[in-house]
Amino acid sequence: MKLNLYWAVPLAILFIGPIFSLQFPSTPELTSPRFLFLYGSMLLAACALIVFSLNGRLPLPVWTTSLVMLIVLIGSPMVKMLFEN
């Protein structure tokens, strides 16, 4: 398996998102600006994985990347709600 540069795009999004989210205020609600920015960057990274998988640029099956997207969609708000107190 040849490693190409397309692996770096979702990782860069996941690395840059938390850095830029530090400028936003954080509240314990799901509508917190910091959480929404982090959630958006995770969704963007998952969408990039799905697009690169569909184009054949990443050697991952589409069901794997779709599973990652579902985990992000469902898991992130659940974790936020668990730790909101």
C-alpha atoms as a PDB file:
ATOM      1  CA  MET A   1       0.000   0.000   0.000  1.00  0.00           C
ATOM      2  CA  LYS A   2       1.446   3.294  -1.087  1.00  0.00           C
ATOM      3  CA  LEU A   3       1.030   6.109   1.403  1.00  0.00           C
ATOM      4  CA  ASN A   4      -0.001   9.319  -0.307  1.00  0.00           C
ATOM      5  CA  LEU A   5      -0.527  12.882   0.830  1.00  0.00           C
ATOM      6  CA  TYR A   6      -4.322  12.550   1.054  1.00  0.00           C
ATOM      7  CA  TRP A   7      -3.999  11.002   4.536  1.00  0.00           C
ATOM      8  CA  ALA A   8      -2.680  14.336   5.789  1.00  0.00           C
ATOM      9  CA  VAL A   9      -5.762  16.400   4.884  1.00  0.00           C
ATOM     10  CA  PRO A  10      -8.180  15.003   7.541  1.00  0.00           C
ATOM     11  CA  LEU A  11      -5.379  14.900  10.094  1.00  0.00           C
ATOM     12  CA  ALA A  12      -4.521  18.535   9.403  1.00  0.00           C
ATOM     13  CA  ILE A  13      -8.182  19.505   9.793  1.00  0.00           C
ATOM     14  CA  LEU A  14      -8.341  17.631  13.107  1.00  0.00           C
ATOM     15  CA  PHE A  15      -5.126  19.304  14.278  1.00  0.00           C
ATOM     16  CA  ILE A  16      -6.000  22.858  13.221  1.00  0.00           C
ATOM     17  CA  GLY A  17      -9.634  22.771  14.420  1.00  0.00           C
ATOM     18  CA  PRO A  18      -8.880  22.574  18.168  1.00  0.00           C
ATOM     19  CA  ILE A  19      -6.196  25.235  17.890  1.00  0.00           C
ATOM     20  CA  PHE A  20      -8.555  27.765  16.308  1.00  0.00           C
ATOM     21  CA  SER A  21     -11.417  26.822  18.637  1.00  0.00           C
ATOM     22  CA  LEU A  22      -9.509  28.135  21.653  1.00  0.00           C
ATOM     23  CA  GLN A  23     -10.508  31.701  20.800  1.00  0.00           C
ATOM     24  CA  PHE A  24     -14.215  30.940  21.308  1.00  0.00           C
ATOM     25  CA  PRO A  25     -15.962  30.876  24.704  1.00  0.00           C
ATOM     26  CA  SER A  26     -17.022  27.525  26.086  1.00  0.00           C
ATOM     27  CA  THR A  27     -20.262  26.820  27.916  1.00  0.00           C
ATOM     28  CA  PRO A  28     -21.689  23.495  29.107  1.00  0.00           C
ATOM     29  CA  GLU A  29     -24.441  23.576  26.456  1.00  0.00           C
ATOM     30  CA  LEU A  30     -24.485  21.924  23.036  1.00  0.00           C
ATOM     31  CA  THR A  31     -24.732  25.380  21.462  1.00  0.00           C
ATOM     32  CA  SER A  32     -21.347  26.413  22.830  1.00  0.00           C
ATOM     33  CA  PRO A  33     -19.329  28.201  20.137  1.00  0.00           C
ATOM     34  CA  ARG A  34     -16.203  26.180  20.940  1.00  0.00           C
ATOM     35  CA  PHE A  35     -18.073  22.870  20.741  1.00  0.00           C
ATOM     36  CA  LEU A  36     -19.779  23.841  17.489  1.00  0.00           C
ATOM     37  CA  PHE A  37     -16.438  24.786  15.937  1.00  0.00           C
ATOM     38  CA  LEU A  38     -14.859  21.499  17.063  1.00  0.00           C
ATOM     39  CA  TYR A  39     -17.908  19.546  15.894  1.00  0.00           C
ATOM     40  CA  GLY A  40     -17.766  21.261  12.505  1.00  0.00           C
ATOM     41  CA  SER A  41     -14.074  20.535  12.077  1.00  0.00           C
ATOM     42  CA  MET A  42     -14.617  16.864  12.954  1.00  0.00           C
ATOM     43  CA  LEU A  43     -17.470  16.656  10.450  1.00  0.00           C
ATOM     44  CA  LEU A  44     -15.319  18.337   7.803  1.00  0.00           C
ATOM     45  CA  ALA A  45     -12.519  15.837   8.396  1.00  0.00           C
ATOM     46  CA  ALA A  46     -14.975  12.916   8.200  1.00  0.00           C
ATOM     47  CA  CYS A  47     -16.445  14.316   4.972  1.00  0.00           C
ATOM     48  CA  ALA A  48     -12.946  14.637   3.523  1.00  0.00           C
ATOM     49  CA  LEU A  49     -12.322  10.974   4.389  1.00  0.00           C
ATOM     50  CA  ILE A  50     -15.530   9.927   2.648  1.00  0.00           C
ATOM     51  CA  VAL A  51     -14.800  12.002  -0.472  1.00  0.00           C
ATOM     52  CA  PHE A  52     -11.235  10.704  -0.751  1.00  0.00           C
ATOM     53  CA  SER A  53     -12.491   7.171  -0.246  1.00  0.00           C
ATOM     54  CA  LEU A  54     -15.151   7.553  -2.941  1.00  0.00           C
ATOM     55  CA  ASN A  55     -12.616   9.016  -5.376  1.00  0.00           C
ATOM     56  CA  GLY A  56     -10.261   6.111  -4.740  1.00  0.00           C
ATOM     57  CA  ARG A  57      -7.506   8.336  -3.376  1.00  0.00           C
ATOM     58  CA  LEU A  58      -7.507   6.535  -0.019  1.00  0.00           C
ATOM     59  CA  PRO A  59      -7.460   2.740   0.143  1.00  0.00           C
ATOM     60  CA  LEU A  60     -10.314   2.611   2.651  1.00  0.00           C
ATOM     61  CA  PRO A  61     -13.727   1.068   2.046  1.00  0.00           C
ATOM     62  CA  VAL A  62     -16.609   3.522   1.961  1.00  0.00           C
ATOM     63  CA  TRP A  63     -18.382   1.712   4.811  1.00  0.00           C
ATOM     64  CA  THR A  64     -15.394   2.369   7.085  1.00  0.00           C
ATOM     65  CA  THR A  65     -15.382   6.084   6.429  1.00  0.00           C
ATOM     66  CA  SER A  66     -19.181   6.221   6.758  1.00  0.00           C
ATOM     67  CA  LEU A  67     -18.868   4.501  10.133  1.00  0.00           C
ATOM     68  CA  VAL A  68     -16.370   7.158  11.230  1.00  0.00           C
ATOM     69  CA  MET A  69     -18.862   9.832  10.156  1.00  0.00           C
ATOM     70  CA  LEU A  70     -21.655   8.201  12.188  1.00  0.00           C
ATOM     71  CA  ILE A  71     -19.430   7.927  15.252  1.00  0.00           C
ATOM     72  CA  VAL A  72     -18.624  11.638  14.982  1.00  0.00           C
ATOM     73  CA  LEU A  73     -22.268  12.611  14.413  1.00  0.00           C
ATOM     74  CA  ILE A  74     -23.607  10.622  17.352  1.00  0.00           C
ATOM     75  CA  GLY A  75     -20.643  10.327  19.693  1.00  0.00           C
ATOM     76  CA  SER A  76     -19.514  13.934  20.003  1.00  0.00           C
ATOM     77  CA  PRO A  77     -22.813  15.376  21.301  1.00  0.00           C
ATOM     78  CA  MET A  78     -23.209  12.383  23.615  1.00  0.00           C
ATOM     79  CA  VAL A  79     -19.774  12.959  25.154  1.00  0.00           C
ATOM     80  CA  LYS A  80     -20.522  16.680  25.478  1.00  0.00           C
ATOM     81  CA  MET A  81     -23.807  15.953  27.260  1.00  0.00           C
ATOM     82  CA  LEU A  82     -22.142  13.449  29.599  1.00  0.00           C
ATOM     83  CA  PHE A  83     -19.496  15.934  30.705  1.00  0.00           C
ATOM     84  CA  GLU A  84     -21.602  19.098  30.778  1.00  0.00           C
ATOM     85  CA  ASN A  85     -21.846  19.175  34.570  1.00  0.00           C
END
